[in-house]
Amino acid sequence: MRVSDEYESPIHLLLTDVVMPRMGGKELAERLQPLYPQMKVIYMSGYTDNAIVHHGVLAPGLNFLEKPFTPEGLARKVREVLDAENCILKIEY
């Protein structure tokens, strides 16, 4: 949040861990989305995407990258998400 407060240009992509000490990645994305409506999100975790979805942390179908990943795997996922037309996180209140 602090980095986004200090950044004055659009944020096109958020790469965030699902589990973090003070605020989870889902909450971070939900807070930033109204400020950057075109921002796309990639969640990463050491847990499998099935475990994350099964425990209700993330909804199925969101952009997910399982740790560990290679630099090439990260670059491929970033390109895939930025090139996709409909990968914008939609938040329902």
Protein backbone atom coordinates (compact mmCIF):
# COMPACT_ATOMS: atom_id res chain seq x y z
CA MET A 1 0.00 0.00 0.00
CA ARG A 2 2.82 2.39 0.86
CA VAL A 3 4.51 1.85 -2.51
CA SER A 4 1.24 2.50 -4.36
CA ASP A 5 0.66 5.68 -2.33
CA GLU A 6 4.04 7.00 -3.43
CA TYR A 7 3.70 5.90 -7.07
CA GLU A 8 2.09 8.52 -9.30
CA SER A 9 1.53 6.55 -12.51
CA PRO A 10 -0.96 3.80 -13.34
CA ILE A 11 -0.28 0.33 -11.96
CA HIS A 12 -0.82 -2.21 -14.70
CA LEU A 13 0.07 -5.38 -12.81
CA LEU A 14 0.16 -6.42 -9.18
CA LEU A 15 2.24 -9.50 -8.32
CA THR A 16 1.44 -10.44 -4.75
CA ASP A 17 1.85 -13.36 -2.42
CA VAL A 18 -1.40 -14.84 -1.17
CA VAL A 19 -0.25 -15.08 2.45
CA MET A 20 1.59 -12.12 3.96
CA PRO A 21 2.10 -10.96 7.58
CA ARG A 22 -0.16 -7.90 7.87
CA MET A 23 -2.45 -8.11 4.87
CA GLY A 24 -3.15 -10.96 2.48
CA GLY A 25 -2.75 -10.56 -1.25
CA LYS A 26 -6.49 -10.73 -1.84
CA GLU A 27 -7.11 -7.83 0.55
CA LEU A 28 -4.28 -5.83 -1.03
CA ALA A 29 -5.79 -6.33 -4.50
CA GLU A 30 -9.24 -5.39 -3.23
CA ARG A 31 -7.90 -2.16 -1.75
CA LEU A 32 -5.94 -1.20 -4.85
CA GLN A 33 -8.54 -2.18 -7.48
CA PRO A 34 -10.77 0.90 -7.01
CA LEU A 35 -7.71 3.15 -7.43
CA TYR A 36 -6.40 1.24 -10.47
CA PRO A 37 -9.42 -0.32 -12.18
CA GLN A 38 -7.39 -1.64 -15.15
CA MET A 39 -4.82 -3.31 -12.88
CA LYS A 40 -4.34 -7.02 -13.44
CA VAL A 41 -3.31 -9.31 -10.59
CA ILE A 42 -1.12 -12.40 -10.32
CA TYR A 43 -1.22 -14.22 -7.01
CA MET A 44 1.69 -16.42 -5.97
CA SER A 45 2.07 -18.93 -3.18
CA GLY A 46 4.01 -21.94 -2.01
CA TYR A 47 0.66 -23.66 -1.59
CA THR A 48 -0.92 -25.26 -4.65
CA ASP A 49 -3.74 -23.41 -6.37
CA ASN A 50 -6.10 -26.26 -5.40
CA ALA A 51 -5.27 -25.79 -1.69
CA ILE A 52 -5.70 -22.02 -1.95
CA VAL A 53 -9.09 -22.32 -3.67
CA HIS A 54 -10.22 -25.21 -1.45
CA HIS A 55 -9.60 -23.16 1.71
CA GLY A 56 -11.48 -20.18 0.28
CA VAL A 57 -8.48 -17.89 0.08
CA LEU A 58 -8.90 -17.24 -3.65
CA ALA A 59 -11.72 -17.81 -6.10
CA PRO A 60 -11.15 -20.32 -8.90
CA GLY A 61 -9.93 -18.89 -12.19
CA LEU A 62 -7.76 -16.09 -10.83
CA ASN A 63 -4.19 -15.73 -12.11
CA PHE A 64 -2.00 -17.92 -9.93
CA LEU A 65 1.70 -18.78 -9.96
CA GLU A 66 2.92 -21.59 -7.73
CA LYS A 67 6.27 -21.25 -5.95
CA PRO A 68 8.97 -22.04 -6.62
CA PHE A 69 9.03 -20.66 -10.14
CA THR A 70 11.82 -19.83 -12.54
CA PRO A 71 12.49 -16.37 -13.97
CA GLU A 72 11.28 -17.74 -17.31
CA GLY A 73 8.07 -19.06 -15.72
CA LEU A 74 7.41 -15.68 -14.12
CA ALA A 75 8.07 -13.83 -17.38
CA ARG A 76 5.75 -16.20 -19.26
CA LYS A 77 2.94 -15.70 -16.70
CA VAL A 78 3.35 -11.91 -16.69
CA ARG A 79 3.20 -11.81 -20.50
CA GLU A 80 0.14 -14.09 -20.52
CA VAL A 81 -1.74 -11.93 -18.02
CA LEU A 82 -0.81 -8.59 -19.59
CA ASP A 83 -1.80 -9.85 -23.04
CA ALA A 84 -5.14 -11.28 -21.90
CA GLU A 85 -8.25 -9.22 -22.54
CA ASN A 86 -10.33 -10.37 -19.61
CA CYS A 87 -7.94 -10.95 -16.70
CA ILE A 88 -8.96 -7.91 -14.70
CA LEU A 89 -9.84 -8.84 -11.13
CA LYS A 90 -13.52 -8.30 -10.61
CA ILE A 91 -14.48 -7.61 -7.03
CA GLU A 92 -18.03 -8.14 -5.89
CA TYR A 93 -19.22 -6.29 -2.82
